[in-house]
């Protein structure tokens, strides 16, 4: 599609949702080539085995989707991906029932109770990374319209 300013955009669909992505050109022939490449790349990415628009999305599903995104990000080094998996394991270790919880059922009080348990067992750096991971996974829920905000947790400063 061509915008009124002359730039071309691709309209891609996945799981019933539309995504617009700029092709970063004003030339039709270049846009055609970039569109073909983008569509090929879009088809190659595995679709989720669950419906991300499902209001009953549990933390494990959102976490898996977040992990797929990390794996697809070519800018990340292998060790960074491994680090996030370690952080996920520490979150599950200190909050085992989280895996089966629906995202919309996670409350700020539960998050604060978990944060106290996690902070007592892990370093401040790991604690802050765990909070970051929790926010990233909950952001998956926001992007899919499951929840509207992330329950507030503040990282340790200092």
N, C-alpha and C. Protein backbone atom coordinates (compact mmCIF):
# COMPACT_ATOMS: atom_id res chain seq x y z
N UNK A 1 0.84 -1.18 0.00
CA UNK A 1 0.00 0.00 0.00
C UNK A 1 0.89 1.24 0.00
N UNK A 2 0.41 2.26 -0.60
CA UNK A 2 1.16 3.51 -0.67
C UNK A 2 0.49 4.54 0.21
N UNK A 3 1.28 5.16 1.08
CA UNK A 3 0.79 6.19 1.97
C UNK A 3 0.69 7.50 1.18
N UNK A 4 -0.07 8.46 1.68
CA UNK A 4 -0.23 9.74 1.00
C UNK A 4 1.09 10.49 0.89
N UNK A 5 2.05 10.20 1.76
CA UNK A 5 3.36 10.85 1.70
C UNK A 5 4.29 10.17 0.70
N UNK A 6 3.83 9.11 0.07
CA UNK A 6 4.62 8.45 -0.96
C UNK A 6 5.35 7.20 -0.52
N UNK A 7 5.44 6.92 0.75
CA UNK A 7 6.12 5.71 1.24
C UNK A 7 5.21 4.50 1.04
N UNK A 8 5.84 3.36 0.82
CA UNK A 8 5.11 2.11 0.65
C UNK A 8 5.15 1.31 1.95
N UNK A 9 4.04 0.62 2.22
CA UNK A 9 3.91 -0.20 3.43
C UNK A 9 3.42 -1.59 3.05
N UNK A 10 3.81 -2.56 3.87
CA UNK A 10 3.31 -3.93 3.71
C UNK A 10 2.23 -4.16 4.76
N UNK A 11 1.15 -4.81 4.36
CA UNK A 11 0.11 -5.22 5.31
C UNK A 11 0.22 -6.72 5.47
N UNK A 12 0.63 -7.15 6.67
CA UNK A 12 0.83 -8.57 6.95
C UNK A 12 -0.18 -9.02 7.98
N UNK A 13 -0.64 -10.26 7.88
CA UNK A 13 -1.63 -10.80 8.80
C UNK A 13 -1.08 -12.04 9.48
N UNK A 14 -1.34 -12.18 10.76
CA UNK A 14 -1.00 -13.38 11.51
C UNK A 14 -1.99 -13.51 12.66
N UNK A 15 -2.54 -14.70 12.81
CA UNK A 15 -3.50 -14.98 13.88
C UNK A 15 -4.65 -13.99 13.88
N UNK A 16 -5.08 -13.60 12.68
CA UNK A 16 -6.23 -12.72 12.55
C UNK A 16 -5.93 -11.25 12.84
N UNK A 17 -4.68 -10.90 13.05
CA UNK A 17 -4.32 -9.52 13.34
C UNK A 17 -3.52 -8.94 12.19
N UNK A 18 -3.76 -7.67 11.92
CA UNK A 18 -3.08 -6.98 10.84
C UNK A 18 -1.87 -6.23 11.38
N UNK A 19 -0.78 -6.26 10.62
CA UNK A 19 0.44 -5.54 11.00
C UNK A 19 0.91 -4.76 9.78
N UNK A 20 1.13 -3.47 9.96
CA UNK A 20 1.66 -2.62 8.90
C UNK A 20 3.15 -2.44 9.15
N UNK A 21 3.94 -2.59 8.11
CA UNK A 21 5.38 -2.40 8.25
C UNK A 21 5.88 -1.58 7.06
N UNK A 22 6.65 -0.54 7.36
CA UNK A 22 7.19 0.32 6.32
C UNK A 22 8.20 -0.44 5.47
N UNK A 23 8.12 -0.22 4.17
CA UNK A 23 9.10 -0.80 3.26
C UNK A 23 10.26 0.18 3.03
N UNK A 24 10.17 1.36 3.61
CA UNK A 24 11.22 2.37 3.63
C UNK A 24 11.69 2.77 2.23
N UNK A 25 10.72 2.95 1.34
CA UNK A 25 11.05 3.41 0.00
C UNK A 25 9.85 4.14 -0.59
N UNK A 26 10.16 5.01 -1.59
CA UNK A 26 9.10 5.71 -2.33
C UNK A 26 9.02 5.20 -3.77
N UNK A 27 9.86 4.23 -4.10
CA UNK A 27 9.91 3.70 -5.46
C UNK A 27 9.17 2.37 -5.53
N UNK A 28 8.27 2.27 -6.50
CA UNK A 28 7.41 1.10 -6.62
C UNK A 28 8.20 -0.19 -6.86
N UNK A 29 9.18 -0.15 -7.75
CA UNK A 29 9.93 -1.37 -8.07
C UNK A 29 10.73 -1.87 -6.86
N UNK A 30 11.28 -0.95 -6.09
CA UNK A 30 12.01 -1.33 -4.87
C UNK A 30 11.02 -1.88 -3.84
N UNK A 31 9.85 -1.26 -3.74
CA UNK A 31 8.82 -1.72 -2.80
C UNK A 31 8.37 -3.13 -3.12
N UNK A 32 8.22 -3.45 -4.42
CA UNK A 32 7.82 -4.80 -4.81
C UNK A 32 8.84 -5.84 -4.34
N UNK A 33 10.12 -5.55 -4.54
CA UNK A 33 11.17 -6.49 -4.14
C UNK A 33 11.21 -6.65 -2.63
N UNK A 34 11.10 -5.53 -1.90
CA UNK A 34 11.12 -5.60 -0.44
C UNK A 34 9.89 -6.31 0.11
N UNK A 35 8.75 -6.10 -0.54
CA UNK A 35 7.52 -6.77 -0.11
C UNK A 35 7.64 -8.28 -0.27
N UNK A 36 8.16 -8.72 -1.40
CA UNK A 36 8.33 -10.17 -1.63
C UNK A 36 9.25 -10.77 -0.57
N UNK A 37 10.34 -10.08 -0.26
CA UNK A 37 11.29 -10.56 0.76
C UNK A 37 10.64 -10.58 2.14
N UNK A 38 9.89 -9.54 2.46
CA UNK A 38 9.22 -9.45 3.77
C UNK A 38 8.16 -10.53 3.92
N UNK A 39 7.39 -10.79 2.85
CA UNK A 39 6.37 -11.83 2.90
C UNK A 39 7.00 -13.21 3.09
N UNK A 40 8.10 -13.45 2.42
CA UNK A 40 8.80 -14.73 2.58
C UNK A 40 9.26 -14.89 4.02
N UNK A 41 9.86 -13.86 4.57
CA UNK A 41 10.32 -13.88 5.97
C UNK A 41 9.16 -14.09 6.93
N UNK A 42 8.03 -13.44 6.64
CA UNK A 42 6.84 -13.54 7.49
C UNK A 42 6.29 -14.97 7.49
N UNK A 43 6.31 -15.62 6.34
CA UNK A 43 5.81 -16.99 6.24
C UNK A 43 6.72 -18.00 6.94
N UNK A 44 8.01 -17.70 6.98
CA UNK A 44 8.98 -18.63 7.58
C UNK A 44 8.89 -18.68 9.09
N UNK A 45 8.46 -17.59 9.73
CA UNK A 45 8.38 -17.59 11.18
C UNK A 45 7.24 -18.49 11.63
N UNK A 46 7.49 -19.35 12.60
CA UNK A 46 6.44 -20.26 13.04
C UNK A 46 5.31 -19.50 13.72
N UNK A 47 4.11 -19.91 13.40
CA UNK A 47 2.98 -19.32 14.08
C UNK A 47 2.83 -19.97 15.44
N UNK A 48 2.25 -19.24 16.35
CA UNK A 48 2.05 -19.76 17.69
C UNK A 48 1.10 -20.96 17.62
N UNK A 49 1.34 -21.95 18.48
CA UNK A 49 0.48 -23.12 18.51
C UNK A 49 -0.81 -22.84 19.28
N UNK A 50 -0.92 -21.64 19.79
CA UNK A 50 -2.11 -21.22 20.51
C UNK A 50 -2.54 -19.90 19.90
N UNK A 51 -3.74 -19.50 20.21
CA UNK A 51 -4.26 -18.24 19.68
C UNK A 51 -3.87 -17.11 20.62
N UNK A 52 -2.96 -16.21 20.20
CA UNK A 52 -2.54 -15.14 21.11
C UNK A 52 -3.66 -14.19 21.48
N UNK A 53 -4.72 -14.17 20.70
CA UNK A 53 -5.84 -13.30 21.02
C UNK A 53 -6.79 -13.92 22.04
N UNK A 54 -6.50 -15.13 22.49
CA UNK A 54 -7.35 -15.82 23.44
C UNK A 54 -7.23 -15.14 24.80
N UNK A 55 -8.35 -14.73 25.38
CA UNK A 55 -8.35 -14.03 26.66
C UNK A 55 -7.87 -14.92 27.79
N UNK A 56 -7.79 -16.21 27.57
CA UNK A 56 -7.34 -17.13 28.62
C UNK A 56 -5.85 -17.49 28.45
N UNK A 57 -5.09 -16.62 27.82
CA UNK A 57 -3.66 -16.87 27.65
C UNK A 57 -3.00 -16.97 29.02
N UNK A 58 -2.27 -18.06 29.24
CA UNK A 58 -1.57 -18.25 30.51
C UNK A 58 -0.13 -17.75 30.37
N UNK A 59 0.51 -17.57 31.50
CA UNK A 59 1.86 -17.03 31.52
C UNK A 59 2.82 -17.89 30.70
N UNK A 60 2.67 -19.20 30.76
CA UNK A 60 3.56 -20.10 30.01
C UNK A 60 3.47 -19.85 28.51
N UNK A 61 2.26 -19.62 27.99
CA UNK A 61 2.09 -19.33 26.57
C UNK A 61 2.74 -18.01 26.19
N UNK A 62 2.51 -16.97 27.00
CA UNK A 62 3.10 -15.66 26.73
C UNK A 62 4.62 -15.74 26.82
N UNK A 63 5.11 -16.52 27.77
CA UNK A 63 6.54 -16.67 27.95
C UNK A 63 7.17 -17.38 26.74
N UNK A 64 6.47 -18.38 26.22
CA UNK A 64 6.94 -19.10 25.03
C UNK A 64 6.99 -18.15 23.82
N UNK A 65 5.96 -17.32 23.69
CA UNK A 65 5.92 -16.36 22.60
C UNK A 65 7.06 -15.36 22.73
N UNK A 66 7.33 -14.92 23.95
CA UNK A 66 8.45 -14.00 24.20
C UNK A 66 9.77 -14.68 23.84
N UNK A 67 9.90 -15.95 24.19
CA UNK A 67 11.12 -16.70 23.88
C UNK A 67 11.31 -16.85 22.37
N UNK A 68 10.21 -17.06 21.62
CA UNK A 68 10.29 -17.13 20.16
C UNK A 68 10.82 -15.82 19.60
N UNK A 69 10.38 -14.72 20.18
CA UNK A 69 10.85 -13.41 19.73
C UNK A 69 12.34 -13.24 20.00
N UNK A 70 12.78 -13.69 21.16
CA UNK A 70 14.21 -13.60 21.47
C UNK A 70 15.02 -14.45 20.49
N UNK A 71 14.52 -15.64 20.20
CA UNK A 71 15.22 -16.53 19.28
C UNK A 71 15.27 -15.95 17.86
N UNK A 72 14.24 -15.20 17.49
CA UNK A 72 14.18 -14.62 16.15
C UNK A 72 15.01 -13.35 16.02
N UNK A 73 15.38 -12.76 17.14
CA UNK A 73 16.15 -11.52 17.12
C UNK A 73 17.62 -11.82 16.82
N UNK A 74 18.05 -11.51 15.62
CA UNK A 74 19.41 -11.84 15.20
C UNK A 74 20.47 -10.96 15.87
N UNK A 75 20.05 -9.87 16.49
CA UNK A 75 21.02 -8.98 17.15
C UNK A 75 21.50 -9.55 18.48
N UNK A 76 20.76 -10.51 19.04
CA UNK A 76 21.12 -11.06 20.34
C UNK A 76 22.13 -12.19 20.19
N UNK A 77 23.08 -12.19 21.10
CA UNK A 77 24.07 -13.27 21.11
C UNK A 77 23.46 -14.49 21.79
N UNK A 78 24.06 -15.64 21.53
CA UNK A 78 23.59 -16.91 22.10
C UNK A 78 23.57 -16.85 23.63
N UNK A 79 24.60 -16.24 24.21
CA UNK A 79 24.69 -16.16 25.67
C UNK A 79 23.55 -15.30 26.26
N UNK A 80 23.15 -14.28 25.54
CA UNK A 80 22.05 -13.43 26.00
C UNK A 80 20.76 -14.23 26.03
N UNK A 81 20.53 -15.04 25.00
CA UNK A 81 19.32 -15.88 24.98
C UNK A 81 19.35 -16.88 26.15
N UNK A 82 20.52 -17.44 26.39
CA UNK A 82 20.67 -18.39 27.50
C UNK A 82 20.42 -17.69 28.84
N UNK A 83 20.90 -16.47 28.98
CA UNK A 83 20.71 -15.70 30.21
C UNK A 83 19.22 -15.50 30.49
N UNK A 84 18.45 -15.13 29.45
CA UNK A 84 17.01 -14.91 29.66
C UNK A 84 16.31 -16.21 30.02
N UNK A 85 16.79 -17.33 29.51
CA UNK A 85 16.20 -18.62 29.90
C UNK A 85 16.52 -18.93 31.36
N UNK A 86 17.72 -18.56 31.81
CA UNK A 86 18.07 -18.74 33.22
C UNK A 86 17.19 -17.87 34.11
N UNK A 87 16.95 -16.65 33.68
CA UNK A 87 16.09 -15.74 34.45
C UNK A 87 14.68 -16.30 34.52
N UNK A 88 14.19 -16.82 33.40
CA UNK A 88 12.85 -17.42 33.38
C UNK A 88 12.77 -18.59 34.36
N UNK A 89 13.83 -19.40 34.40
CA UNK A 89 13.86 -20.54 35.33
C UNK A 89 13.84 -20.05 36.78
N UNK A 90 14.51 -18.94 37.07
CA UNK A 90 14.50 -18.43 38.45
C UNK A 90 13.13 -17.89 38.83
N UNK A 91 12.44 -17.30 37.86
CA UNK A 91 11.07 -16.80 38.13
C UNK A 91 10.15 -17.98 38.42
N UNK A 92 10.24 -19.03 37.60
CA UNK A 92 9.39 -20.21 37.79
C UNK A 92 9.72 -20.91 39.11
N UNK A 93 11.00 -20.91 39.49
CA UNK A 93 11.42 -21.55 40.73
C UNK A 93 10.80 -20.85 41.95
N UNK A 94 10.75 -19.52 41.91
CA UNK A 94 10.22 -18.78 43.07
C UNK A 94 8.72 -18.54 42.98
N UNK A 95 8.11 -18.79 41.83
CA UNK A 95 6.67 -18.62 41.66
C UNK A 95 6.14 -19.72 40.75
N UNK A 96 6.13 -20.99 41.23
CA UNK A 96 5.79 -22.13 40.38
C UNK A 96 4.37 -22.08 39.80
N UNK A 97 3.41 -21.54 40.54
CA UNK A 97 2.03 -21.50 40.05
C UNK A 97 1.82 -20.46 38.95
N UNK A 98 2.82 -19.62 38.72
CA UNK A 98 2.71 -18.57 37.69
C UNK A 98 2.52 -19.17 36.30
N UNK A 99 3.18 -20.27 36.01
CA UNK A 99 3.11 -20.88 34.68
C UNK A 99 1.68 -21.14 34.23
N UNK A 100 0.81 -21.55 35.15
CA UNK A 100 -0.56 -21.91 34.79
C UNK A 100 -1.55 -20.76 34.98
N UNK A 101 -1.07 -19.62 35.45
CA UNK A 101 -1.97 -18.48 35.71
C UNK A 101 -2.30 -17.74 34.42
N UNK A 102 -3.57 -17.35 34.30
CA UNK A 102 -3.96 -16.50 33.18
C UNK A 102 -3.36 -15.12 33.40
N UNK A 103 -2.92 -14.48 32.33
CA UNK A 103 -2.29 -13.17 32.46
C UNK A 103 -3.22 -12.16 33.12
N UNK A 104 -4.51 -12.23 32.79
CA UNK A 104 -5.44 -11.24 33.33
C UNK A 104 -5.75 -11.46 34.81
N UNK A 105 -5.32 -12.59 35.35
CA UNK A 105 -5.56 -12.90 36.76
C UNK A 105 -4.36 -12.55 37.66
N UNK A 106 -3.28 -12.08 37.07
CA UNK A 106 -2.10 -11.71 37.85
C UNK A 106 -2.33 -10.32 38.44
N UNK A 107 -2.23 -10.23 39.77
CA UNK A 107 -2.51 -8.96 40.45
C UNK A 107 -1.22 -8.31 40.96
N UNK A 108 -1.26 -7.00 41.20
CA UNK A 108 -0.09 -6.32 41.76
C UNK A 108 0.32 -6.88 43.12
N UNK A 109 -0.64 -7.30 43.94
CA UNK A 109 -0.33 -7.87 45.25
C UNK A 109 0.46 -9.17 45.09
N UNK A 110 0.03 -10.04 44.18
CA UNK A 110 0.75 -11.28 43.92
C UNK A 110 2.17 -11.00 43.43
N UNK A 111 2.31 -10.00 42.58
CA UNK A 111 3.63 -9.64 42.06
C UNK A 111 4.54 -9.15 43.18
N UNK A 112 4.00 -8.36 44.08
CA UNK A 112 4.82 -7.84 45.18
C UNK A 112 5.22 -8.96 46.14
N UNK A 113 4.30 -9.90 46.40
CA UNK A 113 4.64 -11.04 47.25
C UNK A 113 5.74 -11.88 46.61
N UNK A 114 5.64 -12.10 45.29
CA UNK A 114 6.68 -12.83 44.58
C UNK A 114 8.00 -12.07 44.62
N UNK A 115 7.94 -10.76 44.45
CA UNK A 115 9.17 -9.95 44.43
C UNK A 115 9.93 -10.08 45.74
N UNK A 116 9.22 -10.14 46.85
CA UNK A 116 9.87 -10.31 48.16
C UNK A 116 10.57 -11.67 48.22
N UNK A 117 9.88 -12.72 47.77
CA UNK A 117 10.48 -14.07 47.77
C UNK A 117 11.71 -14.11 46.86
N UNK A 118 11.59 -13.54 45.70
CA UNK A 118 12.68 -13.58 44.72
C UNK A 118 13.88 -12.77 45.20
N UNK A 119 13.64 -11.60 45.76
CA UNK A 119 14.73 -10.74 46.23
C UNK A 119 15.51 -11.40 47.36
N UNK A 120 14.82 -12.19 48.17
CA UNK A 120 15.49 -12.86 49.29
C UNK A 120 16.43 -13.98 48.81
N UNK A 121 16.16 -14.52 47.64
CA UNK A 121 16.92 -15.68 47.17
C UNK A 121 17.99 -15.36 46.12
N UNK A 122 17.82 -14.24 45.40
CA UNK A 122 18.72 -13.92 44.30
C UNK A 122 19.35 -12.54 44.48
N UNK A 123 20.42 -12.29 43.75
CA UNK A 123 21.12 -10.99 43.81
C UNK A 123 20.23 -9.89 43.23
N UNK A 124 20.62 -8.65 43.50
CA UNK A 124 19.86 -7.50 42.99
C UNK A 124 19.84 -7.48 41.47
N UNK A 125 20.94 -7.87 40.86
CA UNK A 125 21.01 -7.89 39.40
C UNK A 125 20.03 -8.91 38.82
N UNK A 126 20.03 -10.10 39.39
CA UNK A 126 19.09 -11.14 38.93
C UNK A 126 17.65 -10.75 39.24
N UNK A 127 17.43 -10.12 40.38
CA UNK A 127 16.09 -9.66 40.75
C UNK A 127 15.57 -8.67 39.71
N UNK A 128 16.40 -7.68 39.36
CA UNK A 128 16.00 -6.67 38.38
C UNK A 128 15.76 -7.30 37.01
N UNK A 129 16.59 -8.27 36.64
CA UNK A 129 16.40 -8.96 35.36
C UNK A 129 15.10 -9.76 35.37
N UNK A 130 14.77 -10.36 36.51
CA UNK A 130 13.52 -11.13 36.63
C UNK A 130 12.31 -10.21 36.48
N UNK A 131 12.39 -9.03 37.07
CA UNK A 131 11.30 -8.06 36.93
C UNK A 131 11.18 -7.64 35.47
N UNK A 132 12.31 -7.41 34.83
CA UNK A 132 12.31 -7.04 33.42
C UNK A 132 11.67 -8.14 32.57
N UNK A 133 12.03 -9.39 32.84
CA UNK A 133 11.44 -10.51 32.11
C UNK A 133 9.93 -10.58 32.34
N UNK A 134 9.52 -10.42 33.57
CA UNK A 134 8.09 -10.46 33.89
C UNK A 134 7.36 -9.37 33.11
N UNK A 135 7.93 -8.18 33.07
CA UNK A 135 7.32 -7.08 32.31
C UNK A 135 7.27 -7.40 30.82
N UNK A 136 8.36 -7.96 30.27
CA UNK A 136 8.39 -8.29 28.85
C UNK A 136 7.32 -9.32 28.50
N UNK A 137 7.17 -10.32 29.35
CA UNK A 137 6.16 -11.36 29.10
C UNK A 137 4.76 -10.77 29.21
N UNK A 138 4.55 -9.91 30.19
CA UNK A 138 3.24 -9.27 30.33
C UNK A 138 2.98 -8.30 29.18
N UNK A 139 4.03 -7.71 28.63
CA UNK A 139 3.87 -6.85 27.45
C UNK A 139 3.33 -7.64 26.26
N UNK A 140 3.66 -8.92 26.19
CA UNK A 140 3.09 -9.78 25.15
C UNK A 140 1.57 -9.81 25.30
N UNK A 141 1.10 -9.88 26.53
CA UNK A 141 -0.33 -9.84 26.79
C UNK A 141 -0.95 -8.51 26.39
N UNK A 142 -0.24 -7.42 26.62
CA UNK A 142 -0.75 -6.10 26.23
C UNK A 142 -0.84 -6.02 24.71
N UNK A 143 0.21 -6.46 24.01
CA UNK A 143 0.24 -6.42 22.55
C UNK A 143 -0.88 -7.25 21.93
N UNK A 144 -1.29 -8.31 22.60
CA UNK A 144 -2.35 -9.18 22.09
C UNK A 144 -3.72 -8.84 22.63
N UNK A 145 -3.82 -7.75 23.38
CA UNK A 145 -5.12 -7.29 23.88
C UNK A 145 -5.67 -8.11 25.03
N UNK A 146 -4.83 -8.87 25.73
CA UNK A 146 -5.28 -9.70 26.84
C UNK A 146 -5.40 -8.85 28.10
N UNK A 147 -4.42 -8.01 28.33
CA UNK A 147 -4.41 -7.11 29.50
C UNK A 147 -4.12 -5.70 29.00
N UNK A 148 -4.40 -4.71 29.86
CA UNK A 148 -4.21 -3.32 29.46
C UNK A 148 -3.01 -2.67 30.11
N UNK A 149 -2.54 -3.22 31.21
CA UNK A 149 -1.37 -2.65 31.87
C UNK A 149 -0.62 -3.75 32.62
N UNK A 150 0.64 -3.45 32.95
CA UNK A 150 1.48 -4.37 33.69
C UNK A 150 1.38 -4.04 35.16
N UNK A 151 1.10 -5.04 36.01
CA UNK A 151 1.09 -4.77 37.45
C UNK A 151 2.42 -4.15 37.88
N UNK A 152 2.36 -3.08 38.66
CA UNK A 152 3.55 -2.30 38.99
C UNK A 152 4.51 -3.06 39.91
N UNK A 153 5.75 -3.20 39.45
CA UNK A 153 6.85 -3.71 40.26
C UNK A 153 8.02 -2.82 39.96
N UNK A 154 8.70 -2.38 40.97
CA UNK A 154 9.86 -1.51 40.76
C UNK A 154 11.15 -2.28 40.98
N UNK A 155 12.12 -2.04 40.12
CA UNK A 155 13.40 -2.71 40.32
C UNK A 155 14.16 -2.13 41.52
N UNK A 156 15.08 -2.92 42.06
CA UNK A 156 15.96 -2.43 43.13
C UNK A 156 16.94 -1.46 42.54
N UNK A 157 17.09 -0.32 43.17
CA UNK A 157 18.07 0.65 42.73
C UNK A 157 19.12 0.74 43.80
N UNK A 158 20.36 0.49 43.42
CA UNK A 158 21.45 0.63 44.39
C UNK A 158 22.01 -0.67 44.86
